[in-house]
Amino acid sequence: MARYATRSERARRAGGAATQERTWGKDQAVNRTQALRMVTIAAARFIGEEKMLGSIERGKYADLVVLNGDYMAVADDRIDELQPDMTIVGGKVVFEAKSR
């Protein structure tokens, strides 16, 4: 059972083309640091697992995703271009991207 989830949607026309872009709730936007915390330590706290999940620390599960670029430095309009290079669960590599 999922108790926490994040989701992003963009309206599309038939055929897959994006519809005219509109910004709703712009005054309620979060920055990328806040977004990262929301899906890591805040999510772990929400489900009561912050002692084992949500941050990279000794003694916690080694569950993480390695991206092909710097999430904190990439331009805002290019964040959606970041792709996973590797996924580690319990300290073991469970996914590794083929050479790009």
C-alpha atoms as a PDB file:
ATOM      1  CA  MET A   1       0.000   0.000   0.000  1.00  0.00           C
ATOM      2  CA  ALA A   2       1.462   3.357  -1.020  1.00  0.00           C
ATOM      3  CA  ARG A   3       1.057   6.045   1.605  1.00  0.00           C
ATOM      4  CA  TYR A   4       3.027   8.715  -0.230  1.00  0.00           C
ATOM      5  CA  ALA A   5       3.499   9.513  -3.869  1.00  0.00           C
ATOM      6  CA  THR A   6       4.583  12.326  -6.120  1.00  0.00           C
ATOM      7  CA  ARG A   7       3.188  12.860  -9.537  1.00  0.00           C
ATOM      8  CA  SER A   8       3.680  15.181 -12.460  1.00  0.00           C
ATOM      9  CA  GLU A   9       1.406  15.394 -15.446  1.00  0.00           C
ATOM     10  CA  ARG A  10       1.329  17.382 -18.634  1.00  0.00           C
ATOM     11  CA  ALA A  11      -1.796  17.522 -20.763  1.00  0.00           C
ATOM     12  CA  ARG A  12      -1.355  15.964 -24.200  1.00  0.00           C
ATOM     13  CA  ARG A  13      -3.356  15.997 -27.393  1.00  0.00           C
ATOM     14  CA  ALA A  14      -4.136  12.867 -29.354  1.00  0.00           C
ATOM     15  CA  GLY A  15      -0.892  11.852 -31.015  1.00  0.00           C
ATOM     16  CA  GLY A  16       1.228  12.817 -28.007  1.00  0.00           C
ATOM     17  CA  ALA A  17       1.818  16.535 -28.682  1.00  0.00           C
ATOM     18  CA  ALA A  18       1.813  18.690 -25.556  1.00  0.00           C
ATOM     19  CA  THR A  19      -1.084  21.102 -25.242  1.00  0.00           C
ATOM     20  CA  GLN A  20      -0.546  24.822 -24.756  1.00  0.00           C
ATOM     21  CA  GLU A  21       1.455  25.221 -21.584  1.00  0.00           C
ATOM     22  CA  ARG A  22      -0.293  26.821 -18.632  1.00  0.00           C
ATOM     23  CA  THR A  23       1.065  27.388 -15.166  1.00  0.00           C
ATOM     24  CA  TRP A  24      -1.380  26.803 -12.323  1.00  0.00           C
ATOM     25  CA  GLY A  25      -0.530  27.543  -8.720  1.00  0.00           C
ATOM     26  CA  LYS A  26       2.793  29.155  -9.610  1.00  0.00           C
ATOM     27  CA  ASP A  27       2.748  30.934  -6.245  1.00  0.00           C
ATOM     28  CA  GLN A  28       2.631  27.497  -4.577  1.00  0.00           C
ATOM     29  CA  ALA A  29       5.639  26.054  -6.403  1.00  0.00           C
ATOM     30  CA  VAL A  30       8.542  24.478  -4.527  1.00  0.00           C
ATOM     31  CA  ASN A  31      12.186  24.798  -5.456  1.00  0.00           C
ATOM     32  CA  ARG A  32      14.279  21.763  -6.408  1.00  0.00           C
ATOM     33  CA  THR A  33      15.817  21.410  -2.944  1.00  0.00           C
ATOM     34  CA  GLN A  34      12.342  21.322  -1.400  1.00  0.00           C
ATOM     35  CA  ALA A  35      11.179  18.838  -4.055  1.00  0.00           C
ATOM     36  CA  LEU A  36      14.137  16.538  -3.358  1.00  0.00           C
ATOM     37  CA  ARG A  37      13.469  16.644   0.387  1.00  0.00           C
ATOM     38  CA  MET A  38       9.783  15.893  -0.236  1.00  0.00           C
ATOM     39  CA  VAL A  39      10.596  12.599  -1.976  1.00  0.00           C
ATOM     40  CA  THR A  40      13.424  11.586   0.376  1.00  0.00           C
ATOM     41  CA  ILE A  41      13.553  12.478   4.072  1.00  0.00           C
ATOM     42  CA  ALA A  42      10.041  13.987   4.260  1.00  0.00           C
ATOM     43  CA  ALA A  43       8.553  10.860   2.654  1.00  0.00           C
ATOM     44  CA  ALA A  44      10.494   8.661   5.089  1.00  0.00           C
ATOM     45  CA  ARG A  45       9.215  10.706   8.038  1.00  0.00           C
ATOM     46  CA  PHE A  46       5.658  10.492   6.722  1.00  0.00           C
ATOM     47  CA  ILE A  47       5.745   6.685   6.828  1.00  0.00           C
ATOM     48  CA  GLY A  48       7.693   6.598  10.114  1.00  0.00           C
ATOM     49  CA  GLU A  49      10.870   5.160   8.569  1.00  0.00           C
ATOM     50  CA  GLU A  50      13.278   8.087   8.873  1.00  0.00           C
ATOM     51  CA  LYS A  51      15.689   5.984  10.961  1.00  0.00           C
ATOM     52  CA  MET A  52      16.278   3.681   7.971  1.00  0.00           C
ATOM     53  CA  LEU A  53      15.245   5.672   4.863  1.00  0.00           C
ATOM     54  CA  GLY A  54      15.340   9.146   3.364  1.00  0.00           C
ATOM     55  CA  SER A  55      18.983  10.158   3.607  1.00  0.00           C
ATOM     56  CA  ILE A  56      22.427   8.726   2.940  1.00  0.00           C
ATOM     57  CA  GLU A  57      23.861   7.852   6.339  1.00  0.00           C
ATOM     58  CA  ARG A  58      25.741   4.991   7.963  1.00  0.00           C
ATOM     59  CA  GLY A  59      23.310   2.319   9.134  1.00  0.00           C
ATOM     60  CA  LYS A  60      20.504   3.286   6.756  1.00  0.00           C
ATOM     61  CA  TYR A  61      19.402   1.275   3.748  1.00  0.00           C
ATOM     62  CA  ALA A  62      21.540   2.066   0.724  1.00  0.00           C
ATOM     63  CA  ASP A  63      18.614   2.744  -1.639  1.00  0.00           C
ATOM     64  CA  LEU A  64      19.356   5.439  -4.203  1.00  0.00           C
ATOM     65  CA  VAL A  65      19.269   6.468  -7.833  1.00  0.00           C
ATOM     66  CA  VAL A  66      22.306   7.853  -9.682  1.00  0.00           C
ATOM     67  CA  LEU A  67      21.300  10.282 -12.431  1.00  0.00           C
ATOM     68  CA  ASN A  68      23.173  11.092 -15.643  1.00  0.00           C
ATOM     69  CA  GLY A  69      23.478  14.752 -14.665  1.00  0.00           C
ATOM     70  CA  ASP A  70      23.531  17.084 -11.675  1.00  0.00           C
ATOM     71  CA  TYR A  71      19.932  17.587 -10.488  1.00  0.00           C
ATOM     72  CA  MET A  72      20.972  20.644  -8.467  1.00  0.00           C
ATOM     73  CA  ALA A  73      22.820  22.335 -11.364  1.00  0.00           C
ATOM     74  CA  VAL A  74      20.855  21.469 -14.513  1.00  0.00           C
ATOM     75  CA  ALA A  75      18.682  24.251 -15.972  1.00  0.00           C
ATOM     76  CA  ASP A  76      15.050  24.216 -14.790  1.00  0.00           C
ATOM     77  CA  ASP A  77      13.743  23.492 -18.271  1.00  0.00           C
ATOM     78  CA  ARG A  78      16.054  20.454 -18.602  1.00  0.00           C
ATOM     79  CA  ILE A  79      15.338  18.611 -15.338  1.00  0.00           C
ATOM     80  CA  ASP A  80      12.945  16.299 -17.163  1.00  0.00           C
ATOM     81  CA  GLU A  81      15.829  15.224 -19.427  1.00  0.00           C
ATOM     82  CA  LEU A  82      17.757  13.637 -16.545  1.00  0.00           C
ATOM     83  CA  GLN A  83      17.805   9.844 -16.767  1.00  0.00           C
ATOM     84  CA  PRO A  84      18.788   7.169 -14.245  1.00  0.00           C
ATOM     85  CA  ASP A  85      22.263   5.718 -14.768  1.00  0.00           C
ATOM     86  CA  MET A  86      22.030   3.326 -11.847  1.00  0.00           C
ATOM     87  CA  THR A  87      19.617   2.214  -9.124  1.00  0.00           C
ATOM     88  CA  ILE A  88      20.912   0.739  -5.883  1.00  0.00           C
ATOM     89  CA  VAL A  89      18.613  -1.072  -3.432  1.00  0.00           C
ATOM     90  CA  GLY A  90      19.931  -2.437  -0.158  1.00  0.00           C
ATOM     91  CA  GLY A  91      23.458  -1.628  -1.267  1.00  0.00           C
ATOM     92  CA  LYS A  92      23.160  -3.767  -4.420  1.00  0.00           C
ATOM     93  CA  VAL A  93      22.995  -2.476  -7.989  1.00  0.00           C
ATOM     94  CA  VAL A  94      19.603  -3.506  -9.411  1.00  0.00           C
ATOM     95  CA  PHE A  95      19.718  -1.369 -12.556  1.00  0.00           C
ATOM     96  CA  GLU A  96      22.564  -0.028 -14.648  1.00  0.00           C
ATOM     97  CA  ALA A  97      21.935   1.912 -17.860  1.00  0.00           C
ATOM     98  CA  LYS A  98      23.589   0.781 -21.034  1.00  0.00           C
ATOM     99  CA  SER A  99      26.169   3.188 -22.432  1.00  0.00           C
ATOM    100  CA  ARG A 100      24.455   6.218 -23.912  1.00  0.00           C
END
